Structure formats: C-alpha cells, structure tokens
C-alpha cells in the first residue's frame, strides 16, 4: 500500500511534466515494482542498512514538514489562489471542519478505512523486538512517543491545510469574480476572495482544491519538491518497516512449525539470522497487491486485517488479566483490562462498519488458522493465557465437585494403572484407555525403587512418559514416585493420587508371571499391594496376557518390574539405557517406540466372556459394557456365565437376564454353568500341588506346636498343611474354573472373570498367587480378573 502511494505521487509528477511510460495504472505498477525491489535489496542487506535508511527518511520527512508549515504563512500568489490556496482564513476552516461526502461510497467509515493504515505502525517496534538491545524499555517508550508525535503532526497538517485551501478550484487564472456577477450567482467560498469557480463546481469538473487535488500540500508549501521528497520519505520509510518486520514475525511462526509447508521460510542467514526466504515471500505478496495499483482499493483490505490483529491483541491482554495468572504483570501504569476489552470490541465493530464482507473473510481466516492450531496441538509452549484459563476452569470445577456427594448414577471407573514407565506395558495402557477415554480418570503410575536422589526423581518424573502417552493419543495423567520398595511406593500412590473427587477408585495392574521363580519376598509384596488396595476401598483389576505385558528389554529397565514380573529381581535396578547423561548434567531422552497391541485392533465379531461368580457391586459388568461403546469392540458379543444348579438352570438364567435388563446393559446371552462346582481333573490338581512345592513348610510333628508360629511370622509366604486344608475348596474351584475357561472361552476376544480373594492371615500370599496363576494360565485370549470393593456401580434407575 505504501509503495502504491509512492508510485502514485511519482506518476502524477511525471504526468505534470509530460512524461508517460504506458498509462497511469501501468505506470503505477511499473514504478511500484521497481521501488519494492529496491526496498527488498535494502532489507536483505541487513538491519544496519535498514536503520541507516530510516534515519535518512526521517530527516527528509522533518525537513519536508518544516517546509510545509512555513509555506502556510507565505501569502498566496494568484496562481495558487486559482488552485484554491488563500492562506489562513477562519471561514475556510469553518467550512472544511464539517464533512462533505462525495460519491456513492462517500462516508465517514469509507474515509476511515483509507486513512487508518497511516496509524498501523504501532507494532513496528514489537515486530523487530528480537533486534532491539532492550525491548522492554525501547518498545513502550518508542511506541508511545511515536504515537504522540504522529498524532500531533496529523492534527497540525489537517488543521492547517483545512484553514488554507478550499474544497473546489478550477486552477484557471481567468476564473476571477467579474464585477457583473452578483454574489448570489457565485457558488463556493472562493467568491469572498474574488474567485468564481461556479462552473466547475456545478459540472463536478474542478481539478484543484483539497477534495480533488492530491498534491495540495505541495501547492501550500514553500518549496513544492520538498513535499514530494517528504512523501517519498514517508511512504518508503513505512514500506521498508513493513518489509522488514513482517518476515521477522513470519520467521518465528515458521520456526514454531505451527503450519505445514512453511518451515522452509524460517531459515536464517548471517550473524543476525536474517530471514532471506521470508523476505522473498513478502516481496512476492507485495508485488501481487501492487498490481492492483489503486490505493483506495488496497487500503480497506489492509485496514480490516490490521483491525482484526489489534482486536486480537486487545482481547489477549484482557484474557490474560481475567485468568489472574501471576506471570501477567503489565508494567504500564494506566493499563486497564476493561479498556483492552473496549478496544477489542471497537475494532470488531469498526471492521463490520467498514466492509462487512471483508470482516467476515478476515475472521474466517483467523478462525481457520486457530482451529488448525488447536487441532494439531503443535509442540510449542508460549505460556499463553489459554493455558492459564484452562487451569482456572479446571481448578474451579474440581473445587466445585467437593460440594456434590457421590451417587451411583454418576459412578465412573477412575483408574490408577500400575504401568511403570507407560511405554513398557502398552497393552495395559491401551486396555484401560478403551474404557476411560473421554469418560473418566486414568492415571499411569510408576514406582522407582531407589533412595531419594535427584537422579531417581528425574527418572520418576521424566516428561518422556507424558510425551509417549500423548503420541499414543492416550488421555491419561502420569504420576511417578520414588520409594525404597514397591509396596510402599504403590501405597503412597493409592493414598495420595488424585485431587478432591478426581481420585482413582480402581487399581489396575499386570499379573506377576515370574512369581514362582522370583524371591518369595517379591511375591509377598505383590499380594500385599492387592490387600492394601482392598483395605483402601479400591476395586482391583489384574490383566494377564499369554505373551506377557512387558514390551521392553531387560537392559532398558530402570524401574521396579514387580507390576507384572519381568526377568529381573524385584529389588534390582539395572542401568538405564534410554537415559543418557552428558558431562554438562543435562538429560536427553530418546523417543520410546509405539508398539502395536491387540487392544488397538478391531475385534470383529468375537466374544467378550464375563464369568460373574460373585456380587461385588457390578464392576465386572460395567467394564465390558464400557468396552462395547468403542468402535473396535462394538461388534463383539458379550456372554455372561454364572454358576448354578443343574435342576434350576433355566430359572436362574431368566433371573440373571431380568437383572441385566434392569441394569440396561444390553447383554442378551446368559449361560448357567453348574459344572463349575465339579471336582477338577486329578492331573491338574497334581500340577497345582507341584506349583506350591517350593513354598511348602515342612514341620516336625513333635515340634509343630512350638516352631510353626515363629516360622510363619518370619516367612508369612510359606504354606502349611493346615493352610492347604483350610483353603482346599477354593483351590479346587480355581483349578476347575481354568478347565471351564479352556472349554468355553478359547476363542474369545477377552475373558473377564471375578477375581478370587485370599483373606489376610488365612491364605498365604504364595497360595493366593497360585490361585490367580492357575485360574488364568494357558489361555489364548487376554484375561482380566476383576474384583469390586462392594460399592454398587450399577443402578436400576434411569438418569
């Protein structure tokens, strides 16, 4: 726009002197392209050359301004009077003070849209803030001073030229007021000063006057060419400022990689990191608009986008204020958030008053760019007010939940998932994500078994875990703690995880497959976690997969593997291979892979088999229902198996179907299994006993009464004959249940079965682990053992 203004002035001067290249429009285009090419050369030479050029332009503008002011006091010659200049006259000022709109689009806002770009240099300093020595001081001081003196100069020029020059004049020396012409027949203010421009006013053919002659300031000034030089300086200075600042801002945008395909333009060159590629892009855009070659067409387009920009800046300040972020500390003494809001609203209103369709286009582009950014979530962090606002909303909502009592209709399984590093157990993460995504809380937990040290804390709280979850598109929190041993760390998580009502109520963990080869203390600690969860009123779920859950290599583990049992000992912490510490003590973390799991695939028309063997509140029914709400599980048929008596099989089936129907779960396939109470095969019983052989406590009958209690206190995981006899029925039932699972659910997509409970002090931990192991062994489908905390999670009543 500034270049077109410069080209128009040059073209008018050429036409006055009889020099024409092609015609007026094409001359503007040619001169404009040549000019912007020269400005591009200055810009690409660096900020030092640009600063020197700006100083030169400023000096020219000041000399031109002084020349103009002096010219207003010089008495007008007849030639200037014929063109409408009469020095200072109160009548002329009064006449010009009120508007006189002309043409179909003549209006205040039409004039505003043309004049407004002259005030758009307010961001010039902010746009080159990276090149300033002290931007915190230079930008506010320079911007405010520039606004003040620019406003003063605009007012002076408007007031002075409006006091000296009439609106319409013919420029003909013969148009003096003849004695024969009556004052009533003469039209226009010039009649009072001996000039008659009635004919050109009536015919709208006047070529001079401030409404018609764009070079009126040259007419008024003491020396006309100096005004032309001033116009050159002002337009070229503004054009150069735009050509320098826009690429700088765009370079930052490119480096943030907010949008695709623009990173190419972010490359910098030289010691000042000059964005040469962005300069070339800006040059091409400028040339495209110069080809319009009509200032009054370009100005409203630019005005709308500038107003949109100012509206967003004002609203950003207001939004930062209402979020009450401690980091928002404006140093401007007269700052007011309500003034910022008023400025934002005024900018929007003016946009639509100027050109409503251009305003819609501008906002459409802004919302399109914003929507893309919000959707893609680029890996940049500016500490924006949106983050502060999100925090405020989340905090207020969490506090508000404290005022609402829990109700069964609003129950949600909020899961604390013992994953260790989430990347080690992706299957466990994916399964839990299936029934918590967009529904309830999921928190991946990691216990680093080590003494308190900075390195251990770094391992537990590394951002790489959250990054891995985000890349996997799993909506989960992550919490890591450092503890001397696994059980105490999990206990800390069970009691301390969550915030207010947003706290876990279901514990999920992997099955410890190596319990029989690991130390007995590890097995005892593992079962202790289950008992701690039950004591703290948690529901408990345990996942077992035939191929195991641990997706990492042993050498990569730095975290306690006791969640599902890897080859390492529970108390062993191997050296981390994914964390590399340099000599400067900075930690660089490589990206963990994203392995595929069965829970990420579509399950087709397989079955989800539920073995509902005990009433624990309904959690075992709710979790499969939530799974079927996901697309990849939606086609699966849910089968519910319950125990029963052979002679009442159909009656019990109807009772269960009626109950499920009342719960509105949509499960229609119920089967009663009376054979689960039969004795298992002797071979399986023998395998179970062999599994326990290592943990059997062999005692001398003569010393039995004296030595057994102390021995069991020291080694509570050891199993006595009394323990086996006391829990014989339960042991046989787990063996038989495994046989039933082998018969009925060999081809299921998922088996969900009620988890048996071994009472503390009655069932040794190793015997309990043997139940869980034998119950879920040698099954192709994943097995999820579920036990609620006796809290009802289903209701008959509608929402």
Foldseek 3Di string as FASTA:
>chain_A
DLLLLLQLLVLVVCVVVPHDDDDNLVSSLVSSLVLLVVLLVQLVVDPVSLVVLLVVLVVLLVVLLVQLVVLLPDADDLLLVLQFFGRFDPVLLVVLVDDDFDDPPTDPLLVCLLCVVVLLCLCLLVLVVVVDPDSVPCNVVVSVVCVVVVVVSVVVVCNSLSRTGHAFHASDSPQFADPVDDPVQADDPSVVVGGGPPVCVVVVNTCHTPNHDPQVSLSRGPHNVSNSSSSVSSSSSVSSSCLNRVLSVLLVVLVLVLDPPSVVQNQADDPSRGRSSSSVVVSVVSSVVSSVSDSSVVSNLVLLLSLQVLLVVLVQLLLLVVLPDPVDDDPDPPDDNVVSNVSNVVSLVSSCVNPVVSNVVNVVVVVVSVVSSVVVVGPDDPPGSVVSNVVVVVVVVLVVCLVDDDDLVLDAQAEEEACALCLFFVVSLLLVLLQPPVNAAYEYEHEQQDPDDPVSVCSFPPCLSVVLCVVVVRPYHYGYDYHNADLVRLLCQLPPDAGRVRGHQAYEFEAAPCCLVADVVLLQSQVVNVVSSLVSQHWYKYKYAQVGRGPDDPQQFQGQPSRHHDPDHRNDGHDHPQWDADPVRDTDGDRRDDDDDLSVAQPAAFAEEEECEDCQQCPLLVSVLSNCVDPSNVNYAYEYEYEDDPVCFVVVQVVVQVVVVLLVSPHDHYGYDPCLQPFDDPVLVVVLVVSLVVQEDDDDVVCCVPPVVVVCVVPVQHDYPQLCVLCVSVQRSLLSLLVVCVVPPQGHQEYEYEQDDDDPPRHHSSNSSSSVDNNPPPHNHMYMHIHGSSHHNTDSDDD
